[in-house]
Amino acid sequence: MKDDIERVKPTNPECPFCPGAHLSSDWQGYVVVLNPERSEISSILNIERAGNYALKVNVR
């Protein structure tokens, strides 16, 4: 599992769409949206852009 987490760690700790918003390394799942216009999950999560998204971020 640690290898899987290492693969999805970002190289830049900032959101490419929200400059200034820092990313967390403490999350518990993610979803990949390829086509938000046709995705039921993107509708539920209010995702408008294709990309990788954390499902639960733990704030400490």
C-alpha atoms as a PDB file:
ATOM      1  CA  MET A   1       0.000   0.000   0.000  1.00  0.00           C
ATOM      2  CA  LYS A   2       2.848   2.419   0.764  1.00  0.00           C
ATOM      3  CA  ASP A   3       4.107   1.982  -2.815  1.00  0.00           C
ATOM      4  CA  ASP A   4       0.661   2.976  -4.109  1.00  0.00           C
ATOM      5  CA  ILE A   5       0.686   6.111  -1.949  1.00  0.00           C
ATOM      6  CA  GLU A   6       4.176   7.019  -3.166  1.00  0.00           C
ATOM      7  CA  ARG A   7       2.973   6.812  -6.786  1.00  0.00           C
ATOM      8  CA  VAL A   8       0.232   9.391  -6.316  1.00  0.00           C
ATOM      9  CA  LYS A   9       2.195  11.893  -4.220  1.00  0.00           C
ATOM     10  CA  PRO A  10       2.423  15.198  -6.065  1.00  0.00           C
ATOM     11  CA  THR A  11       5.828  16.617  -6.914  1.00  0.00           C
ATOM     12  CA  ASN A  12       4.549  20.147  -6.361  1.00  0.00           C
ATOM     13  CA  PRO A  13       2.639  20.685  -3.076  1.00  0.00           C
ATOM     14  CA  GLU A  14       0.205  23.197  -4.626  1.00  0.00           C
ATOM     15  CA  CYS A  15      -3.038  22.693  -6.442  1.00  0.00           C
ATOM     16  CA  PRO A  16      -2.570  23.468 -10.167  1.00  0.00           C
ATOM     17  CA  PHE A  17      -6.083  24.991 -10.305  1.00  0.00           C
ATOM     18  CA  CYS A  18      -5.974  26.844  -6.953  1.00  0.00           C
ATOM     19  CA  PRO A  19      -2.561  28.503  -6.550  1.00  0.00           C
ATOM     20  CA  GLY A  20      -1.860  29.141  -2.908  1.00  0.00           C
ATOM     21  CA  ALA A  21      -3.936  26.158  -1.720  1.00  0.00           C
ATOM     22  CA  HIS A  22      -1.544  23.566  -0.332  1.00  0.00           C
ATOM     23  CA  LEU A  23      -2.083  19.855  -0.852  1.00  0.00           C
ATOM     24  CA  SER A  24      -2.217  17.349   1.998  1.00  0.00           C
ATOM     25  CA  SER A  25      -0.247  14.117   2.169  1.00  0.00           C
ATOM     26  CA  ASP A  26      -2.803  12.744   4.664  1.00  0.00           C
ATOM     27  CA  TRP A  27      -5.746  11.404   2.661  1.00  0.00           C
ATOM     28  CA  GLN A  28      -7.712   8.141   2.564  1.00  0.00           C
ATOM     29  CA  GLY A  29      -8.779   7.607  -1.040  1.00  0.00           C
ATOM     30  CA  TYR A  30      -8.986   9.253  -4.403  1.00  0.00           C
ATOM     31  CA  VAL A  31     -11.035   9.360  -7.551  1.00  0.00           C
ATOM     32  CA  VAL A  32      -9.842   9.950 -11.104  1.00  0.00           C
ATOM     33  CA  VAL A  33     -12.232  11.911 -13.315  1.00  0.00           C
ATOM     34  CA  LEU A  34     -11.513  11.674 -17.033  1.00  0.00           C
ATOM     35  CA  ASN A  35     -14.635  13.286 -18.475  1.00  0.00           C
ATOM     36  CA  PRO A  36     -16.528  15.356 -15.887  1.00  0.00           C
ATOM     37  CA  GLU A  37     -19.359  16.179 -18.313  1.00  0.00           C
ATOM     38  CA  ARG A  38     -20.292  12.486 -18.587  1.00  0.00           C
ATOM     39  CA  SER A  39     -19.333  11.336 -15.082  1.00  0.00           C
ATOM     40  CA  GLU A  40     -21.991  10.581 -12.492  1.00  0.00           C
ATOM     41  CA  ILE A  41     -19.377  10.768  -9.728  1.00  0.00           C
ATOM     42  CA  SER A  42     -18.215  14.214 -10.835  1.00  0.00           C
ATOM     43  CA  SER A  43     -21.839  15.398 -10.639  1.00  0.00           C
ATOM     44  CA  ILE A  44     -22.163  14.099  -7.077  1.00  0.00           C
ATOM     45  CA  LEU A  45     -18.818  15.603  -6.003  1.00  0.00           C
ATOM     46  CA  ASN A  46     -19.313  18.869  -7.959  1.00  0.00           C
ATOM     47  CA  ILE A  47     -16.148  18.304 -10.006  1.00  0.00           C
ATOM     48  CA  GLU A  48     -15.904  20.393 -13.167  1.00  0.00           C
ATOM     49  CA  ARG A  49     -12.365  19.558 -14.365  1.00  0.00           C
ATOM     50  CA  ALA A  50     -10.701  16.273 -15.246  1.00  0.00           C
ATOM     51  CA  GLY A  51      -8.072  15.184 -12.746  1.00  0.00           C
ATOM     52  CA  ASN A  52      -7.230  13.255  -9.565  1.00  0.00           C
ATOM     53  CA  TYR A  53      -9.116  14.190  -6.408  1.00  0.00           C
ATOM     54  CA  ALA A  54      -8.801  13.168  -2.743  1.00  0.00           C
ATOM     55  CA  LEU A  55     -11.978  11.719  -1.271  1.00  0.00           C
ATOM     56  CA  LYS A  56     -11.139  12.358   2.384  1.00  0.00           C
ATOM     57  CA  VAL A  57      -8.440  14.666   3.668  1.00  0.00           C
ATOM     58  CA  ASN A  58      -7.456  14.496   7.318  1.00  0.00           C
ATOM     59  CA  VAL A  59      -6.738  17.866   8.889  1.00  0.00           C
ATOM     60  CA  ARG A  60      -4.429  17.806  11.875  1.00  0.00           C
END
